[in-house]
Protein backbone atom coordinates (compact mmCIF):
# COMPACT_ATOMS: atom_id res chain seq x y z
CA MET A 1 85.18 113.88 92.41
CA THR A 2 87.21 117.13 92.41
CA GLU A 3 90.56 117.54 90.68
CA THR A 4 92.52 117.16 93.91
CA GLU A 5 90.58 114.18 95.27
CA THR A 6 92.23 110.77 95.35
CA ARG A 7 90.70 107.44 96.28
CA ARG A 8 91.49 103.76 96.04
CA LYS A 9 89.27 101.28 94.27
CA LEU A 10 89.23 97.76 92.87
CA THR A 11 88.87 97.77 89.10
CA THR A 12 89.73 95.81 85.97
CA ILE A 13 92.51 97.41 83.96
CA MET A 14 93.12 96.87 80.24
CA SER A 15 96.47 97.92 78.76
CA ALA A 16 97.02 97.86 74.99
CA ASP A 17 99.76 98.94 72.61
CA VAL A 18 100.80 98.46 68.98
CA GLN A 19 103.29 95.78 68.02
CA ASP A 20 106.24 97.14 65.96
CA TYR A 21 104.92 100.69 66.18
CA SER A 22 108.37 102.20 65.51
CA ARG A 23 108.75 100.14 62.33
CA LEU A 24 105.30 101.18 61.08
CA MET A 25 106.07 104.85 61.78
CA GLY A 26 109.40 104.57 59.99
CA ALA A 27 107.70 103.15 56.90
CA ASP A 28 104.74 105.59 56.78
CA GLU A 29 104.23 108.17 59.52
CA GLU A 30 101.04 109.78 58.24
CA GLY A 31 99.40 106.51 57.23
CA THR A 32 100.30 104.87 60.56
CA LEU A 33 98.89 107.78 62.58
CA ALA A 34 95.67 107.74 60.53
CA THR A 35 95.29 103.98 61.05
CA LEU A 36 96.03 104.32 64.77
CA LYS A 37 93.31 106.94 65.12
CA ARG A 38 90.75 104.76 63.30
CA TYR A 39 91.61 101.72 65.38
CA ARG A 40 91.56 103.66 68.62
CA ASP A 41 88.16 105.13 67.78
CA SER A 42 86.89 101.59 67.15
CA MET A 43 88.47 100.32 70.38
CA SER A 44 86.90 103.17 72.35
CA ALA A 45 83.48 102.32 70.94
CA VAL A 46 83.86 98.64 71.87
CA ILE A 47 85.09 99.57 75.36
CA GLY A 48 82.03 101.80 75.83
CA LEU A 49 79.68 99.03 74.69
CA HIS A 50 81.10 96.85 77.47
CA ALA A 51 80.58 99.58 80.13
CA GLY A 52 84.25 100.50 80.23
CA ARG A 53 86.01 103.82 79.80
CA VAL A 54 89.28 104.88 78.20
CA VAL A 55 91.42 106.28 81.00
CA ASN A 56 94.44 107.48 79.09
CA THR A 57 96.31 107.25 75.78
CA TRP A 58 99.95 107.97 75.08
CA GLY A 59 101.98 107.27 71.96
CA ASP A 60 100.64 103.95 70.70
CA GLY A 61 99.33 102.87 74.13
CA LEU A 62 95.90 102.84 75.71
CA ILE A 63 94.66 102.26 79.26
CA ALA A 64 91.01 101.46 79.99
CA GLU A 65 89.08 100.27 83.04
CA PHE A 66 85.94 98.21 83.53
CA PRO A 67 83.66 97.62 86.51
CA SER A 68 83.17 94.02 85.30
CA VAL A 69 86.02 91.55 84.78
CA VAL A 70 83.95 89.48 82.36
CA GLU A 71 83.05 92.51 80.25
CA ALA A 72 86.70 93.54 80.12
CA VAL A 73 87.73 90.16 78.66
CA ARG A 74 84.79 90.19 76.24
CA ALA A 75 85.75 93.70 75.13
CA ALA A 76 89.35 92.61 74.52
CA ILE A 77 88.20 89.64 72.43
CA ASP A 78 85.86 91.86 70.39
CA ILE A 79 88.65 94.39 69.87
CA GLN A 80 91.11 91.80 68.61
CA ASN A 81 88.53 90.19 66.32
CA ASP A 82 87.54 93.60 64.93
CA ILE A 83 91.16 94.58 64.27
CA ALA A 84 91.88 91.21 62.66
CA GLY A 85 88.98 91.78 60.28
CA ARG A 86 90.22 95.27 59.39
CA ASN A 87 93.75 93.99 58.79
CA GLN A 88 92.60 91.49 56.18
CA ALA A 89 92.34 94.34 53.67
CA CYS A 90 95.91 95.52 54.42
CA ALA A 91 99.25 94.29 53.15
CA ALA A 92 101.01 92.03 55.66
CA GLU A 93 103.86 94.48 56.27
CA SER A 94 101.48 97.39 57.02
CA ARG A 95 99.03 95.60 59.33
CA MET A 96 98.64 97.18 62.75
CA GLN A 97 98.30 94.61 65.54
CA PHE A 98 97.67 95.30 69.20
CA ARG A 99 98.77 93.40 72.31
CA ILE A 100 96.42 93.49 75.28
CA GLY A 101 96.97 92.78 78.98
CA ILE A 102 94.19 92.65 81.58
CA ASN A 103 94.50 92.71 85.36
CA LEU A 104 92.08 92.96 88.28
CA GLY A 105 93.69 95.02 90.99
CA ASP A 106 93.56 97.84 93.48
CA VAL A 107 94.46 101.25 92.04
CA ILE A 108 94.61 104.91 93.02
CA GLU A 109 92.25 107.19 91.08
CA GLN A 110 93.15 110.87 90.73
CA ASP A 111 91.96 113.44 88.17
CA ASP A 112 90.18 110.64 86.25
CA ASP A 113 93.49 108.78 85.81
CA ILE A 114 94.53 105.58 87.60
CA TYR A 115 97.89 104.63 89.09
CA GLY A 116 99.51 101.83 91.06
CA ASP A 117 100.60 98.21 90.88
CA GLY A 118 97.30 97.18 89.28
CA VAL A 119 98.08 99.31 86.21
CA ASN A 120 101.72 98.25 86.19
CA ILE A 121 100.82 94.56 86.17
CA ALA A 122 98.37 95.06 83.28
CA ALA A 123 101.12 96.74 81.25
CA ARG A 124 103.57 93.90 81.94
CA LEU A 125 100.94 91.34 80.91
CA GLN A 126 100.45 93.31 77.70
CA GLY A 127 104.18 93.00 77.01
CA GLN A 128 103.88 89.23 77.33
CA ALA A 129 101.09 88.98 74.75
CA GLU A 130 101.59 87.91 71.15
CA PRO A 131 100.63 90.39 68.38
CA GLY A 132 96.83 90.23 68.21
CA GLY A 133 96.75 88.37 71.52
CA ILE A 134 95.48 88.83 75.08
CA VAL A 135 97.20 87.90 78.35
CA ILE A 136 95.39 88.03 81.70
CA SER A 137 96.47 87.73 85.31
CA ASN A 138 95.37 84.95 87.65
CA THR A 139 92.97 87.37 89.39
CA VAL A 140 91.17 87.84 86.07
CA TYR A 141 91.32 84.15 85.19
CA ASP A 142 89.70 83.14 88.47
CA GLN A 143 86.72 85.38 87.68
CA VAL A 144 86.19 84.52 83.99
CA ARG A 145 87.28 80.90 83.49
CA ASN A 146 83.72 79.60 83.79
CA LYS A 147 81.99 82.65 82.31
CA VAL A 148 83.70 83.33 78.98
CA ALA A 149 83.54 80.78 76.17
CA VAL A 150 87.24 80.69 75.30
CA ALA A 151 90.20 78.52 76.22
CA PHE A 152 93.23 79.63 78.21
CA ASP A 153 96.91 78.66 78.12
CA PHE A 154 98.98 78.95 81.31
CA LEU A 155 102.15 80.96 80.63
CA GLY A 156 103.79 80.75 84.04
CA PRO A 157 104.66 83.33 86.72
CA LEU A 158 105.34 86.94 85.78
CA THR A 159 107.77 88.91 87.96
CA VAL A 160 106.89 92.58 88.49
CA LYS A 161 109.09 95.22 90.11
CA ASN A 162 108.30 96.05 93.76
CA ILE A 163 105.88 93.09 94.06
CA ASP A 164 107.15 90.13 96.13
CA ASP A 165 105.02 87.38 94.62
CA ALA A 166 105.14 86.50 90.93
CA ILE A 167 101.86 86.89 89.03
CA PRO A 168 100.63 83.74 87.25
CA SER A 169 99.52 84.68 83.72
CA TYR A 170 97.27 83.12 81.08
CA ALA A 171 96.91 83.67 77.32
CA VAL A 172 93.37 83.87 75.96
CA ARG A 173 93.07 81.46 73.05
CA ILE A 174 91.06 83.74 70.76
CA GLY A 175 91.19 81.33 67.83
CA ASP A 176 89.19 78.78 69.84
CA THR A 177 86.30 81.15 70.49
CA GLY A 178 84.11 79.68 67.82
CA HIS A 179 84.80 76.15 68.97
CA SER A 180 84.17 76.72 72.66
CA ARG A 181 80.69 78.21 72.71
CA GLN A 182 79.07 75.15 74.30
CA ARG A 183 81.36 74.88 77.29
CA PRO A 184 84.02 77.24 78.60
CA ALA A 185 87.37 75.50 78.49
CA GLU A 186 89.70 75.27 81.42
CA ALA A 187 93.26 76.48 81.17
CA THR A 188 95.67 74.17 79.35
CA PRO A 189 99.02 74.13 81.15
CA ALA A 190 101.87 75.25 78.94
CA PRO A 191 105.60 75.62 79.61
CA PRO A 192 106.42 79.02 81.12
CA ARG A 193 108.00 81.50 78.72
CA PRO A 194 109.64 84.84 79.40
CA ALA A 195 108.10 87.98 77.97
CA MET A 196 109.96 90.12 75.46
CA PRO A 197 111.45 93.10 77.35
CA GLU A 198 110.21 96.27 75.69
CA GLN A 199 109.46 99.87 76.65
CA LEU A 200 105.77 99.84 77.55
CA GLY A 201 105.23 103.52 78.23
CA ARG A 202 104.94 105.25 81.57
CA ALA A 203 102.92 102.41 83.12
CA ALA A 204 105.70 99.79 82.92
CA ARG A 205 109.42 100.16 83.48
CA ASP A 206 110.10 96.78 85.04
CA PRO A 207 112.58 94.03 84.34
CA ALA A 208 111.40 91.28 82.03
CA PRO A 209 109.48 88.42 83.65
CA LYS A 210 111.65 85.70 85.16
CA THR A 211 110.46 82.16 84.75
CA PRO A 212 112.14 78.70 85.06
CA THR A 213 114.18 78.03 81.92
CA SER A 214 116.35 75.32 80.47
CA PHE A 215 119.34 77.48 81.46
CA SER A 216 118.41 77.17 85.14
CA ASN A 217 117.97 73.42 84.71
CA ARG A 218 121.44 73.20 83.17
CA ILE A 219 122.91 75.06 86.14
CA LEU A 220 121.21 72.65 88.55
CA GLY A 221 122.53 69.71 86.55
CA PHE A 222 126.04 71.16 86.58
CA LEU A 223 125.88 71.65 90.35
CA GLY A 224 124.79 68.03 90.80
CA VAL A 225 127.68 66.72 88.70
CA ALA A 226 130.18 69.03 90.43
CA SER A 227 128.98 67.87 93.85
CA ALA A 228 129.46 64.24 92.89
CA ILE A 229 132.98 64.94 91.58
CA VAL A 230 134.01 66.84 94.73
CA LEU A 231 132.67 64.06 96.96
CA LEU A 232 134.45 61.39 94.90
CA ILE A 233 137.77 63.27 95.09
CA ASN A 234 137.39 63.55 98.87
CA LEU A 235 136.75 59.80 99.20
CA LEU A 236 139.64 58.81 96.85
CA THR A 237 142.10 61.04 98.72
CA TRP A 238 140.72 60.28 102.17
CA GLN A 239 143.06 61.18 105.02
CA GLY A 240 140.55 61.29 107.83
CA GLU A 241 139.05 64.68 106.93
CA PHE A 242 135.67 65.31 105.27
CA TRP A 243 136.75 68.62 103.67
CA SER A 244 134.19 68.36 100.82
CA ALA A 245 131.40 69.28 103.23
CA TRP A 246 132.09 73.00 102.67
CA PRO A 247 131.96 73.08 98.86
CA LEU A 248 128.99 70.70 98.96
CA MET A 249 127.16 73.11 101.28
CA GLY A 250 127.92 76.02 98.95
CA MET A 251 126.64 74.19 95.88
CA ALA A 252 123.53 72.98 97.75
CA THR A 253 122.82 76.59 98.76
CA MET A 254 123.15 77.76 95.14
CA ALA A 255 120.78 75.02 93.98
CA ALA A 256 118.24 75.91 96.66
CA LEU A 257 118.33 79.60 95.68
CA ILE A 258 117.82 78.76 92.01
CA TRP A 259 114.91 76.50 92.90
CA SER A 260 113.32 79.19 95.09
CA ARG A 261 113.25 81.66 92.16
CA SER A 262 110.93 79.31 90.25
CA GLN A 263 108.37 79.17 93.06
CA THR A 264 105.37 81.44 93.63
CA GLY A 265 103.16 82.58 96.50
CA GLN A 266 103.87 81.51 100.07
CA VAL A 267 106.48 78.94 99.02
CA ARG A 268 108.64 81.63 97.46
CA SER A 269 108.12 84.00 100.38
CA MET A 270 109.26 81.40 102.92
CA ALA A 271 112.05 79.84 100.84
CA LEU A 272 114.74 82.46 101.51
CA PRO A 273 114.51 82.51 105.33
CA ILE A 274 114.36 78.70 105.42
CA ILE A 275 117.46 78.45 103.19
CA ALA A 276 119.30 81.00 105.34
CA ALA A 277 118.39 79.11 108.51
CA ALA A 278 119.56 75.81 107.00
CA VAL A 279 122.89 77.34 105.96
CA ILE A 280 123.50 78.76 109.46
CA VAL A 281 122.70 75.44 111.16
CA THR A 282 124.97 73.60 108.70
CA ILE A 283 127.86 76.00 109.33
CA ASN A 284 127.37 75.57 113.09
CA ALA A 285 127.41 71.78 112.72
CA LEU A 286 130.49 71.70 110.42
CA SER A 287 132.46 74.02 112.70
CA TRP A 288 131.22 72.45 115.93
CA HIS A 289 133.22 73.26 119.06
CA GLY A 290 130.67 72.31 121.66
CA GLU A 291 128.49 75.42 121.33
CA PHE A 292 125.19 75.85 119.46
CA TRP A 293 125.67 79.54 118.58
CA ALA A 294 123.22 79.32 115.61
CA GLN A 295 120.25 79.89 117.91
CA TRP A 296 120.75 83.67 117.87
CA PRO A 297 120.83 84.23 114.09
CA LEU A 298 117.94 81.75 113.81
CA LEU A 299 115.96 83.86 116.28
CA ALA A 300 116.73 87.00 114.25
CA ILE A 301 115.54 85.33 111.05
CA ALA A 302 112.34 84.15 112.73
CA VAL A 303 111.60 87.64 114.09
CA ALA A 304 112.29 89.32 110.71
CA THR A 305 110.08 86.79 108.89
CA ALA A 306 107.24 87.26 111.37
CA LEU A 307 107.43 91.07 111.12
CA ARG A 308 107.41 90.90 107.34
CA TRP A 309 104.34 88.65 107.41
CA VAL A 310 102.51 90.99 109.81
CA LEU A 311 103.33 94.07 107.72
CA ARG A 312 102.14 92.42 104.51
CA ARG A 313 98.92 91.32 106.17
CA SER A 314 98.27 94.84 107.40
């Protein structure tokens, strides 16, 4: 491929960086750089053994790609085990630990580098990983869950900039490797947790993942209590007018929007137009003067939703 050629391809992307790299550099610049070089050389050798290639390095980060999803996960496990062994001889405060994210996605290849959402998602998964840990996307999990002898923990959906659907993510339970050789373990559901927002290099400049939290549950609970209070006040001061319908509709809309943010896939894609349609029909009903004017905005919503679906399919 010439320098100016570009092409798209499906590949497995590994993104890795050093946890607390700034702190390590502040404590010992020369020693940290020497350790980083040794570890990167070791990582490159492991990646090559698993038929992968190092695409790019910057600062403390590394991007690699693999033709095989299984080999990419095996390489990541070998890398983390190798680094853990090397760190045993180091003082706790000077240990260099890597976080790794792996994604299977479509990318653009140009001048031996790769770009696109596939790389961006891998970098965001890396940011969700614990020090010394590995986080994979659902596209990777679907390919390796019955082929790699490790367990997986479901972390919840990961929101990535410019991508409509959240990406379900899984942590590879490296510590269970030795106990799972006989039968690959299925993913163990775990409560979703947000990733720590950090600068992940050029490949990731997205907002932190958004997942359902106790804060959202508290808001929903507050809205439920507020709705009950408003309805009770209306009934106790009844003068022939059901005025609480309007604030109840507003609070129901807020609750529906909060709920929709916790959904993934087609449910999340369809939630917003359905909520908008329900609000318009409710407003028409509450302000009824003998005319069903909501049909026109409902038609517009249906057309916009259909066009969006067609464009995404194409």
